[in-house]
PDB file of N, CA and C in Angstrom:
ATOM      1  N   ILE A   1     -27.977 -30.735-101.500  1.00  0.00           N
ATOM      2  CA  ILE A   1     -28.798 -30.313-102.992  1.00  0.00           C
ATOM      3  C   ILE A   1     -28.325 -29.178-103.511  1.00  0.00           C
ATOM      4  N   ARG A   2     -27.966 -28.288-102.722  1.00  0.00           N
ATOM      5  CA  ARG A   2     -27.250 -26.993-103.491  1.00  0.00           C
ATOM      6  C   ARG A   2     -25.986 -27.435-103.978  1.00  0.00           C
ATOM      7  N   ALA A   3     -25.625 -28.289-103.599  1.00  0.00           N
ATOM      8  CA  ALA A   3     -24.165 -28.496-104.370  1.00  0.00           C
ATOM      9  C   ALA A   3     -24.449 -29.482-105.853  1.00  0.00           C
ATOM     10  N   LEU A   4     -25.736 -30.393-105.783  1.00  0.00           N
ATOM     11  CA  LEU A   4     -26.105 -30.784-106.638  1.00  0.00           C
ATOM     12  C   LEU A   4     -26.704 -29.758-107.596  1.00  0.00           C
ATOM     13  N   GLN A   5     -27.311 -28.854-107.581  1.00  0.00           N
ATOM     14  CA  GLN A   5     -27.676 -27.735-108.133  1.00  0.00           C
ATOM     15  C   GLN A   5     -26.650 -27.047-108.411  1.00  0.00           C
ATOM     16  N   ALA A   6     -26.106 -26.852-107.719  1.00  0.00           N
ATOM     17  CA  ALA A   6     -24.331 -25.775-108.694  1.00  0.00           C
ATOM     18  C   ALA A   6     -23.717 -27.003-109.377  1.00  0.00           C
ATOM     19  N   ILE A   7     -23.900 -28.039-109.447  1.00  0.00           N
ATOM     20  CA  ILE A   7     -22.860 -28.677-110.542  1.00  0.00           C
ATOM     21  C   ILE A   7     -23.586 -29.522-111.834  1.00  0.00           C
ATOM     22  N   ALA A   8     -24.850 -29.391-111.249  1.00  0.00           N
ATOM     23  CA  ALA A   8     -25.714 -30.229-112.390  1.00  0.00           C
ATOM     24  C   ALA A   8     -25.533 -29.202-114.207  1.00  0.00           C
ATOM     25  N   PRO A   9     -25.419 -27.524-113.646  1.00  0.00           N
ATOM     26  CA  PRO A   9     -25.219 -27.173-115.088  1.00  0.00           C
ATOM     27  C   PRO A   9     -23.888 -27.563-115.798  1.00  0.00           C
ATOM     28  N   LEU A  10     -22.587 -27.984-115.121  1.00  0.00           N
ATOM     29  CA  LEU A  10     -21.521 -28.005-115.448  1.00  0.00           C
ATOM     30  C   LEU A  10     -21.389 -29.238-116.355  1.00  0.00           C
ATOM     31  N   ALA A  11     -22.210 -29.762-116.475  1.00  0.00           N
ATOM     32  CA  ALA A  11     -21.983 -31.366-117.323  1.00  0.00           C
ATOM     33  C   ALA A  11     -23.302 -31.607-117.920  1.00  0.00           C
ATOM     34  N   PRO A  12     -22.901 -32.204-119.336  1.00  0.00           N
ATOM     35  CA  PRO A  12     -24.460 -32.483-119.759  1.00  0.00           C
ATOM     36  C   PRO A  12     -24.738 -33.654-119.307  1.00  0.00           C
ATOM     37  N   ARG A  13     -24.210 -34.354-118.545  1.00  0.00           N
ATOM     38  CA  ARG A  13     -24.419 -36.016-118.013  1.00  0.00           C
ATOM     39  C   ARG A  13     -23.844 -36.176-116.575  1.00  0.00           C
ATOM     40  N   LEU A  14     -24.834 -36.248-115.871  1.00  0.00           N
ATOM     41  CA  LEU A  14     -23.929 -36.612-114.671  1.00  0.00           C
ATOM     42  C   LEU A  14     -24.340 -38.191-114.229  1.00  0.00           C
ATOM     43  N   LEU A  15     -23.513 -38.810-113.085  1.00  0.00           N
ATOM     44  CA  LEU A  15     -23.571 -40.323-112.810  1.00  0.00           C
ATOM     45  C   LEU A  15     -23.617 -39.596-110.975  1.00  0.00           C
ATOM     46  N   VAL A  16     -24.598 -40.254-110.789  1.00  0.00           N
ATOM     47  CA  VAL A  16     -24.789 -39.568-109.215  1.00  0.00           C
ATOM     48  C   VAL A  16     -24.543 -41.458-108.339  1.00  0.00           C
ATOM     49  N   LEU A  17     -23.963 -41.422-107.851  1.00  0.00           N
ATOM     50  CA  LEU A  17     -23.358 -42.492-107.178  1.00  0.00           C
ATOM     51  C   LEU A  17     -23.816 -42.316-105.303  1.00  0.00           C
ATOM     52  N   GLY A  18     -24.466 -43.166-104.589  1.00  0.00           N
ATOM     53  CA  GLY A  18     -24.556 -43.428-103.479  1.00  0.00           C
ATOM     54  C   GLY A  18     -23.239 -43.968-102.691  1.00  0.00           C
ATOM     55  N   GLY A  19     -23.460 -43.469-101.367  1.00  0.00           N
ATOM     56  CA  GLY A  19     -22.039 -44.511-100.616  1.00  0.00           C
ATOM     57  C   GLY A  19     -22.929 -45.854-100.065  1.00  0.00           C
ATOM     58  N   GLY A  20     -22.479 -45.911 -98.980  1.00  0.00           N
ATOM     59  CA  GLY A  20     -23.276 -47.442 -98.393  1.00  0.00           C
ATOM     60  C   GLY A  20     -23.593 -47.136 -96.960  1.00  0.00           C
ATOM     61  N   GLY A  21     -23.920 -48.188 -96.459  1.00  0.00           N
ATOM     62  CA  GLY A  21     -24.312 -48.244 -94.553  1.00  0.00           C
ATOM     63  C   GLY A  21     -25.339 -47.807 -94.638  1.00  0.00           C
ATOM     64  N   TYR A  22     -26.719 -46.503 -95.120  1.00  0.00           N
ATOM     65  CA  TYR A  22     -27.569 -46.200 -94.673  1.00  0.00           C
ATOM     66  C   TYR A  22     -28.393 -47.183 -94.417  1.00  0.00           C
ATOM     67  N   ASN A  23     -29.461 -46.391 -93.640  1.00  0.00           N
ATOM     68  CA  ASN A  23     -30.548 -46.739 -93.220  1.00  0.00           C
ATOM     69  C   ASN A  23     -31.793 -46.742 -94.207  1.00  0.00           C
ATOM     70  N   PRO A  24     -32.658 -47.632 -94.393  1.00  0.00           N
ATOM     71  CA  PRO A  24     -33.687 -47.189 -95.638  1.00  0.00           C
ATOM     72  C   PRO A  24     -34.334 -45.721 -95.682  1.00  0.00           C
ATOM     73  N   TRP A  25     -34.778 -45.546 -94.411  1.00  0.00           N
ATOM     74  CA  TRP A  25     -35.242 -44.195 -94.492  1.00  0.00           C
ATOM     75  C   TRP A  25     -34.316 -43.004 -95.273  1.00  0.00           C
ATOM     76  N   SER A  26     -33.194 -42.901 -94.895  1.00  0.00           N
ATOM     77  CA  SER A  26     -32.446 -42.053 -95.315  1.00  0.00           C
ATOM     78  C   SER A  26     -32.203 -42.104 -96.637  1.00  0.00           C
ATOM     79  N   VAL A  27     -32.178 -43.812 -97.191  1.00  0.00           N
ATOM     80  CA  VAL A  27     -31.911 -43.960 -99.106  1.00  0.00           C
ATOM     81  C   VAL A  27     -32.940 -43.757 -99.534  1.00  0.00           C
ATOM     82  N   GLY A  28     -33.922 -43.849 -99.194  1.00  0.00           N
ATOM     83  CA  GLY A  28     -35.392 -43.458-100.083  1.00  0.00           C
ATOM     84  C   GLY A  28     -35.557 -42.148-100.011  1.00  0.00           C
ATOM     85  N   ARG A  29     -35.358 -41.479 -98.845  1.00  0.00           N
ATOM     86  CA  ARG A  29     -35.557 -40.059 -99.177  1.00  0.00           C
ATOM     87  C   ARG A  29     -34.840 -39.183-100.090  1.00  0.00           C
ATOM     88  N   LEU A  30     -33.370 -39.672-100.030  1.00  0.00           N
ATOM     89  CA  LEU A  30     -32.470 -38.722-100.251  1.00  0.00           C
ATOM     90  C   LEU A  30     -32.349 -39.250-102.075  1.00  0.00           C
ATOM     91  N   TRP A  31     -32.544 -40.550-102.292  1.00  0.00           N
ATOM     92  CA  TRP A  31     -32.416 -40.989-103.962  1.00  0.00           C
ATOM     93  C   TRP A  31     -33.844 -39.763-104.336  1.00  0.00           C
ATOM     94  N   THR A  32     -35.038 -39.773-103.786  1.00  0.00           N
ATOM     95  CA  THR A  32     -36.291 -39.067-104.314  1.00  0.00           C
ATOM     96  C   THR A  32     -35.619 -37.658-104.051  1.00  0.00           C
ATOM     97  N   LEU A  33     -35.204 -36.972-103.345  1.00  0.00           N
ATOM     98  CA  LEU A  33     -35.054 -35.662-103.278  1.00  0.00           C
ATOM     99  C   LEU A  33     -33.714 -35.868-104.552  1.00  0.00           C
ATOM    100  N   ILE A  34     -32.802 -36.576-104.612  1.00  0.00           N
ATOM    101  CA  ILE A  34     -31.957 -36.160-105.718  1.00  0.00           C
ATOM    102  C   ILE A  34     -32.575 -36.463-107.299  1.00  0.00           C
ATOM    103  N   TRP A  35     -33.285 -37.406-107.347  1.00  0.00           N
ATOM    104  CA  TRP A  35     -33.920 -37.741-108.326  1.00  0.00           C
ATOM    105  C   TRP A  35     -34.765 -36.357-109.178  1.00  0.00           C
ATOM    106  N   GLY A  36     -35.891 -35.452-107.987  1.00  0.00           N
ATOM    107  CA  GLY A  36     -36.582 -35.006-107.874  1.00  0.00           C
ATOM    108  C   GLY A  36     -35.764 -33.592-108.524  1.00  0.00           C
ATOM    109  N   THR A  37     -34.601 -33.390-107.725  1.00  0.00           N
ATOM    110  CA  THR A  37     -34.202 -32.274-108.063  1.00  0.00           C
ATOM    111  C   THR A  37     -33.373 -32.022-109.196  1.00  0.00           C
ATOM    112  N   LEU A  38     -32.713 -33.254-109.920  1.00  0.00           N
ATOM    113  CA  LEU A  38     -32.366 -33.642-111.283  1.00  0.00           C
ATOM    114  C   LEU A  38     -33.127 -33.432-112.219  1.00  0.00           C
ATOM    115  N   SER A  39     -34.956 -33.509-112.129  1.00  0.00           N
ATOM    116  CA  SER A  39     -36.051 -33.701-113.049  1.00  0.00           C
ATOM    117  C   SER A  39     -36.441 -32.024-113.141  1.00  0.00           C
ATOM    118  N   GLY A  40     -35.917 -31.649-111.911  1.00  0.00           N
ATOM    119  CA  GLY A  40     -36.753 -30.021-111.825  1.00  0.00           C
ATOM    120  C   GLY A  40     -38.320 -29.763-111.048  1.00  0.00           C
ATOM    121  N   GLN A  41     -38.457 -30.829-110.330  1.00  0.00           N
ATOM    122  CA  GLN A  41     -39.380 -30.980-109.558  1.00  0.00           C
ATOM    123  C   GLN A  41     -39.432 -30.309-108.385  1.00  0.00           C
ATOM    124  N   PRO A  42     -40.560 -29.795-107.699  1.00  0.00           N
ATOM    125  CA  PRO A  42     -40.721 -28.966-106.605  1.00  0.00           C
ATOM    126  C   PRO A  42     -40.427 -29.857-105.274  1.00  0.00           C
ATOM    127  N   VAL A  43     -39.723 -29.649-104.242  1.00  0.00           N
ATOM    128  CA  VAL A  43     -39.277 -30.089-103.040  1.00  0.00           C
ATOM    129  C   VAL A  43     -40.382 -29.857-102.405  1.00  0.00           C
ATOM    130  N   PRO A  44     -41.166 -30.726-101.902  1.00  0.00           N
ATOM    131  CA  PRO A  44     -42.538 -30.139-101.264  1.00  0.00           C
ATOM    132  C   PRO A  44     -41.922 -29.901 -99.846  1.00  0.00           C
ATOM    133  N   ASP A  45     -42.547 -29.467 -98.849  1.00  0.00           N
ATOM    134  CA  ASP A  45     -42.438 -29.382 -97.309  1.00  0.00           C
ATOM    135  C   ASP A  45     -42.977 -30.100 -96.416  1.00  0.00           C
ATOM    136  N   ARG A  46     -43.766 -31.154 -97.106  1.00  0.00           N
ATOM    137  CA  ARG A  46     -44.019 -32.439 -96.418  1.00  0.00           C
ATOM    138  C   ARG A  46     -44.571 -33.181 -97.529  1.00  0.00           C
ATOM    139  N   LEU A  47     -44.396 -34.106 -97.276  1.00  0.00           N
ATOM    140  CA  LEU A  47     -44.468 -35.522 -97.773  1.00  0.00           C
ATOM    141  C   LEU A  47     -45.894 -35.856 -97.921  1.00  0.00           C
ATOM    142  N   PRO A  48     -46.496 -36.379 -98.830  1.00  0.00           N
ATOM    143  CA  PRO A  48     -48.086 -36.800 -99.163  1.00  0.00           C
ATOM    144  C   PRO A  48     -48.407 -38.114 -97.994  1.00  0.00           C
ATOM    145  N   PRO A  49     -49.334 -38.377 -97.780  1.00  0.00           N
ATOM    146  CA  PRO A  49     -49.627 -39.292 -96.449  1.00  0.00           C
ATOM    147  C   PRO A  49     -49.320 -40.715 -96.999  1.00  0.00           C
ATOM    148  N   GLU A  50     -49.309 -40.911 -98.504  1.00  0.00           N
ATOM    149  CA  GLU A  50     -48.916 -42.201 -99.221  1.00  0.00           C
ATOM    150  C   GLU A  50     -47.566 -42.312 -98.648  1.00  0.00           C
ATOM    151  N   ALA A  51     -47.002 -41.297 -98.801  1.00  0.00           N
ATOM    152  CA  ALA A  51     -45.235 -41.604 -98.915  1.00  0.00           C
ATOM    153  C   ALA A  51     -44.827 -41.618 -97.496  1.00  0.00           C
ATOM    154  N   VAL A  52     -45.552 -40.707 -96.241  1.00  0.00           N
ATOM    155  CA  VAL A  52     -45.564 -41.263 -94.968  1.00  0.00           C
ATOM    156  C   VAL A  52     -45.830 -42.501 -94.522  1.00  0.00           C
ATOM    157  N   ALA A  53     -46.658 -43.122 -94.824  1.00  0.00           N
ATOM    158  CA  ALA A  53     -47.376 -44.530 -94.657  1.00  0.00           C
ATOM    159  C   ALA A  53     -46.016 -45.570 -95.034  1.00  0.00           C
ATOM    160  N   VAL A  54     -45.415 -45.007 -96.458  1.00  0.00           N
ATOM    161  CA  VAL A  54     -44.532 -45.767 -96.878  1.00  0.00           C
ATOM    162  C   VAL A  54     -42.865 -45.974 -95.785  1.00  0.00           C
ATOM    163  N   LEU A  55     -42.683 -45.017 -95.867  1.00  0.00           N
ATOM    164  CA  LEU A  55     -41.882 -44.316 -95.074  1.00  0.00           C
ATOM    165  C   LEU A  55     -41.977 -44.906 -93.387  1.00  0.00           C
ATOM    166  N   SER A  56     -43.193 -44.791 -92.740  1.00  0.00           N
ATOM    167  CA  SER A  56     -43.504 -45.410 -91.495  1.00  0.00           C
ATOM    168  C   SER A  56     -43.792 -46.956 -91.341  1.00  0.00           C
ATOM    169  N   ALA A  57     -43.975 -47.815 -92.308  1.00  0.00           N
ATOM    170  CA  ALA A  57     -43.781 -49.154 -92.499  1.00  0.00           C
ATOM    171  C   ALA A  57     -42.639 -50.133 -92.883  1.00  0.00           C
ATOM    172  N   LEU A  58     -41.434 -49.449 -92.930  1.00  0.00           N
ATOM    173  CA  LEU A  58     -40.249 -49.974 -93.209  1.00  0.00           C
ATOM    174  C   LEU A  58     -40.071 -50.118 -91.858  1.00  0.00           C
ATOM    175  N   SER A  59     -39.048 -50.989 -91.470  1.00  0.00           N
ATOM    176  CA  SER A  59     -38.593 -51.678 -90.477  1.00  0.00           C
ATOM    177  C   SER A  59     -36.882 -51.719 -91.117  1.00  0.00           C
ATOM    178  N   TRP A  60     -35.839 -51.628 -90.242  1.00  0.00           N
ATOM    179  CA  TRP A  60     -34.449 -52.335 -90.236  1.00  0.00           C
ATOM    180  C   TRP A  60     -34.009 -52.183 -88.694  1.00  0.00           C
ATOM    181  N   HIS A  61     -33.195 -53.464 -88.646  1.00  0.00           N
ATOM    182  CA  HIS A  61     -32.385 -53.970 -87.654  1.00  0.00           C
ATOM    183  C   HIS A  61     -31.079 -53.520 -87.570  1.00  0.00           C
ATOM    184  N   GLY A  62     -30.497 -52.894 -88.543  1.00  0.00           N
ATOM    185  CA  GLY A  62     -28.982 -52.687 -88.901  1.00  0.00           C
ATOM    186  C   GLY A  62     -28.787 -51.573 -88.095  1.00  0.00           C
ATOM    187  N   GLY A  63     -27.046 -51.994 -87.794  1.00  0.00           N
ATOM    188  CA  GLY A  63     -26.704 -50.590 -87.499  1.00  0.00           C
ATOM    189  C   GLY A  63     -26.937 -50.443 -85.689  1.00  0.00           C
ATOM    190  N   GLY A  64     -28.006 -50.878 -85.126  1.00  0.00           N
ATOM    191  CA  GLY A  64     -28.186 -50.998 -83.439  1.00  0.00           C
ATOM    192  C   GLY A  64     -28.784 -49.374 -83.733  1.00  0.00           C
ATOM    193  N   ARG A  65     -29.095 -48.790 -84.032  1.00  0.00           N
ATOM    194  CA  ARG A  65     -30.167 -47.487 -84.194  1.00  0.00           C
ATOM    195  C   ARG A  65     -31.619 -47.880 -83.725  1.00  0.00           C
ATOM    196  N   PRO A  66     -31.627 -46.505 -83.040  1.00  0.00           N
ATOM    197  CA  PRO A  66     -33.676 -46.497 -83.061  1.00  0.00           C
ATOM    198  C   PRO A  66     -33.931 -46.283 -84.067  1.00  0.00           C
ATOM    199  N   PRO A  67     -35.217 -46.457 -84.024  1.00  0.00           N
ATOM    200  CA  PRO A  67     -36.226 -45.825 -85.102  1.00  0.00           C
ATOM    201  C   PRO A  67     -36.015 -44.065 -85.691  1.00  0.00           C
ATOM    202  N   PRO A  68     -36.108 -43.971 -86.552  1.00  0.00           N
ATOM    203  CA  PRO A  68     -36.042 -42.538 -87.112  1.00  0.00           C
ATOM    204  C   PRO A  68     -36.891 -41.425 -86.193  1.00  0.00           C
ATOM    205  N   ASP A  69     -35.819 -40.625 -86.106  1.00  0.00           N
ATOM    206  CA  ASP A  69     -37.258 -39.149 -85.991  1.00  0.00           C
ATOM    207  C   ASP A  69     -38.520 -39.039 -86.412  1.00  0.00           C
ATOM    208  N   PRO A  70     -39.502 -38.897 -86.038  1.00  0.00           N
ATOM    209  CA  PRO A  70     -40.925 -38.685 -86.557  1.00  0.00           C
ATOM    210  C   PRO A  70     -40.626 -37.630 -87.960  1.00  0.00           C
ATOM    211  N   ALA A  71     -40.155 -36.437 -87.638  1.00  0.00           N
ATOM    212  CA  ALA A  71     -39.840 -35.857 -88.483  1.00  0.00           C
ATOM    213  C   ALA A  71     -39.585 -35.963 -89.807  1.00  0.00           C
ATOM    214  N   LEU A  72     -38.232 -36.823 -89.784  1.00  0.00           N
ATOM    215  CA  LEU A  72     -37.531 -37.708 -90.678  1.00  0.00           C
ATOM    216  C   LEU A  72     -38.874 -38.865 -91.578  1.00  0.00           C
ATOM    217  N   LEU A  73     -39.668 -38.934 -91.034  1.00  0.00           N
ATOM    218  CA  LEU A  73     -40.802 -39.918 -92.037  1.00  0.00           C
ATOM    219  C   LEU A  73     -41.924 -38.714 -92.665  1.00  0.00           C
ATOM    220  N   SER A  74     -41.277 -37.525 -92.759  1.00  0.00           N
ATOM    221  CA  SER A  74     -42.937 -36.796 -93.230  1.00  0.00           C
ATOM    222  C   SER A  74     -42.010 -35.674 -94.148  1.00  0.00           C
ATOM    223  N   THR A  75     -40.561 -35.794 -94.145  1.00  0.00           N
ATOM    224  CA  THR A  75     -40.032 -34.706 -95.363  1.00  0.00           C
ATOM    225  C   THR A  75     -39.362 -35.378 -96.091  1.00  0.00           C
ATOM    226  N   LEU A  76     -38.516 -34.331 -97.144  1.00  0.00           N
ATOM    227  CA  LEU A  76     -37.309 -34.899 -97.795  1.00  0.00           C
ATOM    228  C   LEU A  76     -35.867 -34.621 -97.119  1.00  0.00           C
ATOM    229  N   ILE A  77     -36.084 -32.890 -96.446  1.00  0.00           N
ATOM    230  CA  ILE A  77     -34.830 -32.618 -96.099  1.00  0.00           C
ATOM    231  C   ILE A  77     -34.796 -32.583 -94.574  1.00  0.00           C
ATOM    232  N   ASP A  78     -33.464 -33.081 -94.386  1.00  0.00           N
ATOM    233  CA  ASP A  78     -33.634 -33.110 -92.635  1.00  0.00           C
ATOM    234  C   ASP A  78     -33.020 -31.632 -92.316  1.00  0.00           C
ATOM    235  N   PRO A  79     -33.381 -31.491 -90.966  1.00  0.00           N
ATOM    236  CA  PRO A  79     -33.368 -30.439 -90.164  1.00  0.00           C
ATOM    237  C   PRO A  79     -31.405 -30.102 -89.989  1.00  0.00           C
ATOM    238  N   PRO A  80     -31.155 -28.921 -90.108  1.00  0.00           N
ATOM    239  CA  PRO A  80     -29.527 -28.979 -89.890  1.00  0.00           C
ATOM    240  C   PRO A  80     -29.085 -29.475 -88.411  1.00  0.00           C
ATOM    241  N   ARG A  81     -27.997 -30.142 -88.936  1.00  0.00           N
ATOM    242  CA  ARG A  81     -27.182 -30.572 -87.168  1.00  0.00           C
ATOM    243  C   ARG A  81     -25.961 -29.781 -87.282  1.00  0.00           C
ATOM    244  N   GLU A  82     -26.293 -28.520 -86.416  1.00  0.00           N
ATOM    245  CA  GLU A  82     -25.019 -27.708 -86.469  1.00  0.00           C
ATOM    246  C   GLU A  82     -24.343 -28.674 -85.558  1.00  0.00           C
ATOM    247  N   GLY A  83     -23.274 -27.836 -85.384  1.00  0.00           N
ATOM    248  CA  GLY A  83     -21.944 -28.429 -84.649  1.00  0.00           C
ATOM    249  C   GLY A  83     -20.858 -27.856 -85.175  1.00  0.00           C
ATOM    250  N   PRO A  84     -19.715 -28.290 -84.715  1.00  0.00           N
ATOM    251  CA  PRO A  84     -18.176 -27.787 -85.236  1.00  0.00           C
ATOM    252  C   PRO A  84     -17.951 -29.397 -86.351  1.00  0.00           C
ATOM    253  N   LEU A  85     -17.058 -28.764 -87.314  1.00  0.00           N
ATOM    254  CA  LEU A  85     -16.640 -29.881 -88.353  1.00  0.00           C
ATOM    255  C   LEU A  85     -15.662 -30.172 -88.009  1.00  0.00           C
ATOM    256  N   ARG A  86     -15.184 -31.536 -87.981  1.00  0.00           N
ATOM    257  CA  ARG A  86     -13.954 -32.320 -87.763  1.00  0.00           C
ATOM    258  C   ARG A  86     -12.821 -31.880 -88.500  1.00  0.00           C
ATOM    259  N   PRO A  87     -11.505 -31.880 -87.923  1.00  0.00           N
ATOM    260  CA  PRO A  87     -10.166 -31.437 -88.997  1.00  0.00           C
ATOM    261  C   PRO A  87     -10.133 -31.870 -90.205  1.00  0.00           C
ATOM    262  N   GLU A  88     -10.459 -33.188 -90.244  1.00  0.00           N
ATOM    263  CA  GLU A  88      -9.991 -34.015 -91.357  1.00  0.00           C
ATOM    264  C   GLU A  88     -11.032 -33.178 -92.400  1.00  0.00           C
ATOM    265  N   ILE A  89     -12.155 -33.099 -92.132  1.00  0.00           N
ATOM    266  CA  ILE A  89     -13.200 -32.022 -93.195  1.00  0.00           C
ATOM    267  C   ILE A  89     -12.846 -30.626 -93.642  1.00  0.00           C
ATOM    268  N   ARG A  90     -12.190 -30.433 -92.641  1.00  0.00           N
ATOM    269  CA  ARG A  90     -12.063 -28.608 -92.788  1.00  0.00           C
ATOM    270  C   ARG A  90     -10.628 -29.108 -93.905  1.00  0.00           C
ATOM    271  N   ASP A  91      -9.572 -29.932 -93.748  1.00  0.00           N
ATOM    272  CA  ASP A  91      -8.741 -29.841 -94.336  1.00  0.00           C
ATOM    273  C   ASP A  91      -8.930 -30.357 -95.922  1.00  0.00           C
ATOM    274  N   ARG A  92     -10.392 -31.228 -96.052  1.00  0.00           N
ATOM    275  CA  ARG A  92     -10.411 -31.702 -97.311  1.00  0.00           C
ATOM    276  C   ARG A  92     -11.289 -30.475 -98.138  1.00  0.00           C
ATOM    277  N   LEU A  93     -11.920 -29.659 -97.122  1.00  0.00           N
ATOM    278  CA  LEU A  93     -12.385 -28.289 -97.817  1.00  0.00           C
ATOM    279  C   LEU A  93     -11.559 -27.666 -98.388  1.00  0.00           C
ATOM    280  N   ALA A  94     -10.082 -27.464 -97.565  1.00  0.00           N
ATOM    281  CA  ALA A  94      -9.401 -26.525 -98.067  1.00  0.00           C
ATOM    282  C   ALA A  94      -8.784 -27.004 -99.416  1.00  0.00           C
ATOM    283  N   VAL A  95      -8.968 -28.114 -99.582  1.00  0.00           N
ATOM    284  CA  VAL A  95      -8.116 -28.843-100.566  1.00  0.00           C
ATOM    285  C   VAL A  95      -8.808 -28.599-101.927  1.00  0.00           C
ATOM    286  N   LEU A  96     -10.093 -28.902-101.872  1.00  0.00           N
ATOM    287  CA  LEU A  96     -11.250 -28.479-102.819  1.00  0.00           C
ATOM    288  C   LEU A  96     -11.405 -27.072-103.111  1.00  0.00           C
ATOM    289  N   SER A  97     -11.090 -26.105-102.060  1.00  0.00           N
ATOM    290  CA  SER A  97     -11.412 -24.891-102.468  1.00  0.00           C
ATOM    291  C   SER A  97     -10.228 -24.123-103.443  1.00  0.00           C
ATOM    292  N   ARG A  98      -8.939 -24.557-103.087  1.00  0.00           N
ATOM    293  CA  ARG A  98      -7.803 -24.466-104.228  1.00  0.00           C
ATOM    294  C   ARG A  98      -7.740 -24.858-105.204  1.00  0.00           C
ATOM    295  N   ARG A  99      -8.555 -25.743-105.367  1.00  0.00           N
ATOM    296  CA  ARG A  99      -8.805 -26.223-107.166  1.00  0.00           C
ATOM    297  C   ARG A  99      -9.301 -25.108-108.018  1.00  0.00           C
TER     298      ARG A  99
END
């Protein structure tokens, strides 16, 4: 979201695209967060009960993944996932930083 907030003022219009292969819990939360951010809406610490109910009712059997962590059903922002960056990510960041 910080990246989106940083680039939004640089252009009069943005075309925001998603990738693919994401589970429905991530997709719904991500697009809600993106559009809320672009429209200047505050990001709640916790989702309202109606949103939690929608996310909790979702099911998906793709990818062989277990159901999402309960925290992902009640917030828009995921907890940090600390850890090392892969070398190819570091390389790409270096290219971008030289621009």
